[in-house]
Amino acid sequence: MNTNEIKKSLTRRAALAAKLAAIKAEIESIDETVKASLEYQDDAYIIGSFKVYYKQTTTTRLDQAFLKEHEPAAYNRSLVTKTSVYYAVK
C-alpha cells in the first residue's frame, strides 16, 4: 500500500470514527433516558422484545496503592511484565 492509499484509508477511518462517536453519544443519551425511568431491581425489566437489566452490583478488587504502600515487597513480587503492541491513530 503506498502513501496515498494509506492517507485515503486513514481519511475514511477518521470519517467512520466521527460517525461512531455520534452513534455512541446517541446511545448514551437513550440509555440515560431509560435509566431515569427505571429503578434498580434484580430481575430484568421486560419491555417489548427487550430485556433491560438495571441493578447494583458489588465487585472486590485488589487495592494496588494500599499494597504498594503497606507491603511493598509483596507488591513487587506480584508485578508481571508483558509485551504488547501499541497502535494509535490521532
C-alpha atoms as a PDB file:
ATOM      1  CA  MET A   1       0.000   0.000   0.000  1.00  0.00           C
ATOM      2  CA  ASN A   2       1.507   3.323  -0.981  1.00  0.00           C
ATOM      3  CA  THR A   3       1.325   6.571   0.980  1.00  0.00           C
ATOM      4  CA  ASN A   4      -1.674   7.916  -0.954  1.00  0.00           C
ATOM      5  CA  GLU A   5      -3.641   4.723  -0.327  1.00  0.00           C
ATOM      6  CA  ILE A   6      -2.758   4.840   3.369  1.00  0.00           C
ATOM      7  CA  LYS A   7      -3.816   8.506   3.545  1.00  0.00           C
ATOM      8  CA  LYS A   8      -7.118   7.670   1.833  1.00  0.00           C
ATOM      9  CA  SER A   9      -7.707   4.793   4.260  1.00  0.00           C
ATOM     10  CA  LEU A  10      -6.924   6.981   7.274  1.00  0.00           C
ATOM     11  CA  THR A  11      -9.247   9.705   5.985  1.00  0.00           C
ATOM     12  CA  ARG A  12     -12.041   7.141   5.657  1.00  0.00           C
ATOM     13  CA  ARG A  13     -11.189   5.846   9.126  1.00  0.00           C
ATOM     14  CA  ALA A  14     -11.498   9.361  10.559  1.00  0.00           C
ATOM     15  CA  ALA A  15     -14.922   9.803   8.947  1.00  0.00           C
ATOM     16  CA  LEU A  16     -16.090   6.457  10.343  1.00  0.00           C
ATOM     17  CA  ALA A  17     -14.712   7.326  13.788  1.00  0.00           C
ATOM     18  CA  ALA A  18     -16.714  10.575  13.771  1.00  0.00           C
ATOM     19  CA  LYS A  19     -19.905   8.684  12.861  1.00  0.00           C
ATOM     20  CA  LEU A  20     -19.168   6.115  15.558  1.00  0.00           C
ATOM     21  CA  ALA A  21     -18.687   8.846  18.169  1.00  0.00           C
ATOM     22  CA  ALA A  22     -22.048  10.377  17.218  1.00  0.00           C
ATOM     23  CA  ILE A  23     -23.774   6.988  17.417  1.00  0.00           C
ATOM     24  CA  LYS A  24     -22.190   6.242  20.820  1.00  0.00           C
ATOM     25  CA  ALA A  25     -23.336   9.651  22.117  1.00  0.00           C
ATOM     26  CA  GLU A  26     -26.894   8.971  20.937  1.00  0.00           C
ATOM     27  CA  ILE A  27     -26.887   5.521  22.556  1.00  0.00           C
ATOM     28  CA  GLU A  28     -25.609   7.036  25.810  1.00  0.00           C
ATOM     29  CA  SER A  29     -28.397   9.623  25.710  1.00  0.00           C
ATOM     30  CA  ILE A  30     -31.028   6.914  25.161  1.00  0.00           C
ATOM     31  CA  ASP A  31     -29.565   4.821  27.989  1.00  0.00           C
ATOM     32  CA  GLU A  32     -29.667   7.787  30.388  1.00  0.00           C
ATOM     33  CA  THR A  33     -33.304   8.460  29.474  1.00  0.00           C
ATOM     34  CA  VAL A  34     -34.268   4.811  30.011  1.00  0.00           C
ATOM     35  CA  LYS A  35     -32.360   4.582  33.323  1.00  0.00           C
ATOM     36  CA  ALA A  36     -34.106   7.733  34.569  1.00  0.00           C
ATOM     37  CA  SER A  37     -37.421   5.879  34.145  1.00  0.00           C
ATOM     38  CA  LEU A  38     -36.345   2.724  35.998  1.00  0.00           C
ATOM     39  CA  GLU A  39     -35.371   1.720  39.486  1.00  0.00           C
ATOM     40  CA  TYR A  40     -32.751  -0.852  40.432  1.00  0.00           C
ATOM     41  CA  GLN A  41     -34.082  -4.397  40.596  1.00  0.00           C
ATOM     42  CA  ASP A  42     -32.523  -7.853  40.486  1.00  0.00           C
ATOM     43  CA  ASP A  43     -34.764  -9.179  37.712  1.00  0.00           C
ATOM     44  CA  ALA A  44     -34.792  -7.867  34.176  1.00  0.00           C
ATOM     45  CA  TYR A  45     -37.447  -5.459  33.021  1.00  0.00           C
ATOM     46  CA  ILE A  46     -39.263  -6.939  30.031  1.00  0.00           C
ATOM     47  CA  ILE A  47     -40.095  -4.086  27.676  1.00  0.00           C
ATOM     48  CA  GLY A  48     -41.438  -5.350  24.390  1.00  0.00           C
ATOM     49  CA  SER A  49     -38.838  -7.721  22.994  1.00  0.00           C
ATOM     50  CA  PHE A  50     -36.096  -6.210  25.173  1.00  0.00           C
ATOM     51  CA  LYS A  51     -34.719  -7.428  28.481  1.00  0.00           C
ATOM     52  CA  VAL A  52     -33.326  -4.457  30.382  1.00  0.00           C
ATOM     53  CA  TYR A  53     -31.119  -5.065  33.403  1.00  0.00           C
ATOM     54  CA  TYR A  54     -30.610  -2.174  35.802  1.00  0.00           C
ATOM     55  CA  LYS A  55     -29.202  -3.257  39.124  1.00  0.00           C
ATOM     56  CA  GLN A  56     -26.414  -2.518  41.530  1.00  0.00           C
ATOM     57  CA  THR A  57     -23.505  -4.903  41.635  1.00  0.00           C
ATOM     58  CA  THR A  58     -20.584  -5.274  44.012  1.00  0.00           C
ATOM     59  CA  THR A  59     -17.059  -6.158  42.994  1.00  0.00           C
ATOM     60  CA  THR A  60     -13.972  -6.904  45.032  1.00  0.00           C
ATOM     61  CA  ARG A  61     -10.604  -5.869  43.690  1.00  0.00           C
ATOM     62  CA  LEU A  62      -7.080  -5.646  44.938  1.00  0.00           C
ATOM     63  CA  ASP A  63      -6.182  -2.169  46.190  1.00  0.00           C
ATOM     64  CA  GLN A  64      -2.800  -1.861  44.488  1.00  0.00           C
ATOM     65  CA  ALA A  65      -1.996   1.527  46.019  1.00  0.00           C
ATOM     66  CA  PHE A  66      -2.572   0.149  49.532  1.00  0.00           C
ATOM     67  CA  LEU A  67      -0.461  -2.941  48.830  1.00  0.00           C
ATOM     68  CA  LYS A  68       2.335  -0.842  47.322  1.00  0.00           C
ATOM     69  CA  GLU A  69       2.375   1.461  50.350  1.00  0.00           C
ATOM     70  CA  HIS A  70       1.995  -1.098  53.148  1.00  0.00           C
ATOM     71  CA  GLU A  71       3.524  -4.256  51.656  1.00  0.00           C
ATOM     72  CA  PRO A  72       5.998  -3.073  49.003  1.00  0.00           C
ATOM     73  CA  ALA A  73       7.836  -6.425  48.894  1.00  0.00           C
ATOM     74  CA  ALA A  74       4.616  -8.336  48.183  1.00  0.00           C
ATOM     75  CA  TYR A  75       3.643  -5.696  45.639  1.00  0.00           C
ATOM     76  CA  ASN A  76       6.977  -6.044  43.835  1.00  0.00           C
ATOM     77  CA  ARG A  77       6.740  -9.847  43.845  1.00  0.00           C
ATOM     78  CA  SER A  78       3.289  -9.576  42.273  1.00  0.00           C
ATOM     79  CA  LEU A  79       4.342  -7.423  39.340  1.00  0.00           C
ATOM     80  CA  VAL A  80       4.123  -9.052  35.916  1.00  0.00           C
ATOM     81  CA  THR A  81       5.775  -7.662  32.797  1.00  0.00           C
ATOM     82  CA  LYS A  82       4.099  -8.352  29.463  1.00  0.00           C
ATOM     83  CA  THR A  83       4.884  -7.221  25.947  1.00  0.00           C
ATOM     84  CA  SER A  84       2.162  -5.794  23.774  1.00  0.00           C
ATOM     85  CA  VAL A  85       1.790  -3.924  20.509  1.00  0.00           C
ATOM     86  CA  TYR A  86       0.734  -0.293  20.509  1.00  0.00           C
ATOM     87  CA  TYR A  87      -1.187   1.134  17.568  1.00  0.00           C
ATOM     88  CA  ALA A  88      -2.900   4.519  17.623  1.00  0.00           C
ATOM     89  CA  VAL A  89      -4.195   6.952  15.058  1.00  0.00           C
ATOM     90  CA  LYS A  90      -4.576  10.550  16.215  1.00  0.00           C
END
